[in-house]
């Protein structure tokens, strides 16, 4: 994914809950996020439903 300044990806679930995808293998076992840049500001990843505090 690539975002210009001010763009963002809206919060979304990373799983399938519909019959079509469940019948074709279901949900992922893991999600991997790799950051391929060295920016010092912006670019945060947030998990709004996580109960873990930083």
N, C-alpha and C. Protein backbone atom coordinates (compact mmCIF):
# COMPACT_ATOMS: atom_id res chain seq x y z
N UNK A 1 0.84 -1.17 0.00
CA UNK A 1 0.00 0.00 0.00
C UNK A 1 0.89 1.23 0.00
N UNK A 2 0.43 2.26 -0.63
CA UNK A 2 1.15 3.53 -0.65
C UNK A 2 0.15 4.64 -0.43
N UNK A 3 0.47 5.54 0.48
CA UNK A 3 -0.41 6.65 0.78
C UNK A 3 0.32 7.97 0.60
N UNK A 4 -0.36 8.91 0.00
CA UNK A 4 0.16 10.28 -0.08
C UNK A 4 -0.08 10.96 1.26
N UNK A 5 0.55 12.09 1.47
CA UNK A 5 0.35 12.85 2.70
C UNK A 5 -1.13 13.11 2.92
N UNK A 6 -1.61 12.82 4.12
CA UNK A 6 -3.01 13.05 4.48
C UNK A 6 -3.94 11.89 4.18
N UNK A 7 -3.48 10.91 3.42
CA UNK A 7 -4.31 9.74 3.12
C UNK A 7 -4.21 8.73 4.26
N UNK A 8 -5.21 7.85 4.33
CA UNK A 8 -5.19 6.81 5.36
C UNK A 8 -6.06 5.65 4.94
N UNK A 9 -5.87 4.55 5.60
CA UNK A 9 -6.69 3.36 5.42
C UNK A 9 -7.65 3.32 6.60
N UNK A 10 -8.92 3.27 6.35
CA UNK A 10 -9.90 3.24 7.43
C UNK A 10 -9.79 1.94 8.22
N UNK A 11 -10.09 1.97 9.51
CA UNK A 11 -10.07 0.73 10.31
C UNK A 11 -10.97 -0.33 9.67
N UNK A 12 -10.47 -1.56 9.66
CA UNK A 12 -11.22 -2.66 9.06
C UNK A 12 -10.79 -3.97 9.71
N UNK A 13 -11.67 -4.96 9.73
CA UNK A 13 -11.29 -6.27 10.28
C UNK A 13 -10.39 -6.99 9.29
N UNK A 14 -9.52 -7.82 9.79
CA UNK A 14 -8.63 -8.59 8.94
C UNK A 14 -9.02 -10.07 8.98
N UNK A 15 -10.32 -10.30 8.83
CA UNK A 15 -10.83 -11.67 8.84
C UNK A 15 -12.06 -11.74 7.96
N UNK A 16 -12.44 -12.96 7.61
CA UNK A 16 -13.63 -13.19 6.81
C UNK A 16 -14.75 -13.70 7.70
N UNK A 17 -15.94 -13.18 7.49
CA UNK A 17 -17.08 -13.72 8.23
C UNK A 17 -18.23 -14.12 7.30
N UNK A 18 -17.92 -14.17 5.99
CA UNK A 18 -18.96 -14.54 5.04
C UNK A 18 -18.79 -15.99 4.59
N UNK A 19 -19.87 -16.61 4.19
CA UNK A 19 -19.89 -18.02 3.80
C UNK A 19 -18.97 -18.29 2.61
N UNK A 20 -18.94 -17.39 1.63
CA UNK A 20 -18.12 -17.57 0.43
C UNK A 20 -16.66 -17.82 0.78
N UNK A 21 -16.07 -16.96 1.62
CA UNK A 21 -14.66 -17.11 1.98
C UNK A 21 -14.43 -18.23 2.99
N UNK A 22 -15.37 -18.47 3.87
CA UNK A 22 -15.23 -19.56 4.83
C UNK A 22 -15.13 -20.91 4.11
N UNK A 23 -15.89 -21.07 3.03
CA UNK A 23 -15.87 -22.32 2.27
C UNK A 23 -14.60 -22.49 1.46
N UNK A 24 -13.83 -21.45 1.29
CA UNK A 24 -12.60 -21.49 0.50
C UNK A 24 -11.35 -21.39 1.36
N UNK A 25 -11.43 -21.85 2.58
CA UNK A 25 -10.24 -21.89 3.42
C UNK A 25 -10.36 -21.11 4.71
N UNK A 26 -11.31 -20.21 4.78
CA UNK A 26 -11.52 -19.49 6.03
C UNK A 26 -10.52 -18.37 6.28
N UNK A 27 -10.29 -18.12 7.54
CA UNK A 27 -9.49 -16.97 7.95
C UNK A 27 -7.99 -17.25 7.93
N UNK A 28 -7.25 -16.18 7.96
CA UNK A 28 -5.79 -16.26 8.02
C UNK A 28 -5.36 -16.77 9.38
N UNK A 29 -4.20 -17.38 9.42
CA UNK A 29 -3.62 -17.77 10.70
C UNK A 29 -2.84 -16.61 11.30
N UNK A 30 -2.36 -15.71 10.44
CA UNK A 30 -1.57 -14.58 10.92
C UNK A 30 -1.62 -13.47 9.88
N UNK A 31 -1.35 -12.28 10.32
CA UNK A 31 -1.18 -11.13 9.44
C UNK A 31 0.21 -10.58 9.71
N UNK A 32 0.98 -10.33 8.66
CA UNK A 32 2.34 -9.82 8.80
C UNK A 32 2.38 -8.41 8.23
N UNK A 33 2.97 -7.51 8.98
CA UNK A 33 3.13 -6.13 8.53
C UNK A 33 4.62 -5.84 8.44
N UNK A 34 5.08 -5.40 7.26
CA UNK A 34 6.48 -5.01 7.08
C UNK A 34 6.53 -3.56 6.66
N UNK A 35 7.38 -2.80 7.30
CA UNK A 35 7.58 -1.40 6.94
C UNK A 35 8.86 -1.31 6.12
N UNK A 36 8.74 -0.85 4.89
CA UNK A 36 9.88 -0.79 3.98
C UNK A 36 10.32 0.65 3.73
N UNK A 37 10.35 1.43 4.79
CA UNK A 37 10.82 2.81 4.69
C UNK A 37 11.39 3.21 6.04
N UNK A 38 12.04 4.33 6.06
CA UNK A 38 12.65 4.81 7.30
C UNK A 38 12.13 6.20 7.68
N UNK A 39 10.86 6.45 7.43
CA UNK A 39 10.30 7.75 7.77
C UNK A 39 10.33 7.95 9.28
N UNK A 40 10.42 9.19 9.70
CA UNK A 40 10.50 9.48 11.14
C UNK A 40 9.20 10.05 11.69
N UNK A 41 8.28 10.45 10.80
CA UNK A 41 7.00 11.00 11.26
C UNK A 41 5.87 10.41 10.43
N UNK A 42 4.75 10.13 11.09
CA UNK A 42 3.60 9.57 10.39
C UNK A 42 3.77 8.08 10.16
N UNK A 43 2.81 7.49 9.48
CA UNK A 43 2.89 6.08 9.14
C UNK A 43 2.56 5.12 10.26
N UNK A 44 1.88 5.60 11.29
CA UNK A 44 1.56 4.74 12.42
C UNK A 44 0.55 3.66 12.05
N UNK A 45 0.66 2.54 12.73
CA UNK A 45 -0.33 1.47 12.65
C UNK A 45 -1.01 1.39 13.99
N UNK A 46 -2.33 1.43 14.00
CA UNK A 46 -3.10 1.43 15.24
C UNK A 46 -4.07 0.26 15.22
N UNK A 47 -4.21 -0.39 16.36
CA UNK A 47 -5.17 -1.47 16.52
C UNK A 47 -6.22 -0.98 17.52
N UNK A 48 -7.28 -0.31 17.02
CA UNK A 48 -8.22 0.38 17.92
C UNK A 48 -9.00 -0.54 18.86
N UNK A 49 -9.12 -1.81 18.56
CA UNK A 49 -9.87 -2.71 19.43
C UNK A 49 -8.97 -3.53 20.35
N UNK A 50 -7.68 -3.30 20.27
CA UNK A 50 -6.74 -4.04 21.12
C UNK A 50 -6.86 -3.58 22.56
N UNK A 51 -6.74 -4.52 23.48
CA UNK A 51 -6.81 -4.19 24.90
C UNK A 51 -5.42 -4.06 25.51
N UNK A 52 -4.39 -4.14 24.69
CA UNK A 52 -3.01 -4.02 25.17
C UNK A 52 -2.63 -2.55 25.21
N UNK A 53 -2.04 -2.10 26.31
CA UNK A 53 -1.61 -0.71 26.40
C UNK A 53 -0.12 -0.62 26.12
N UNK A 54 0.31 0.53 25.66
CA UNK A 54 1.73 0.70 25.33
C UNK A 54 2.48 1.37 26.45
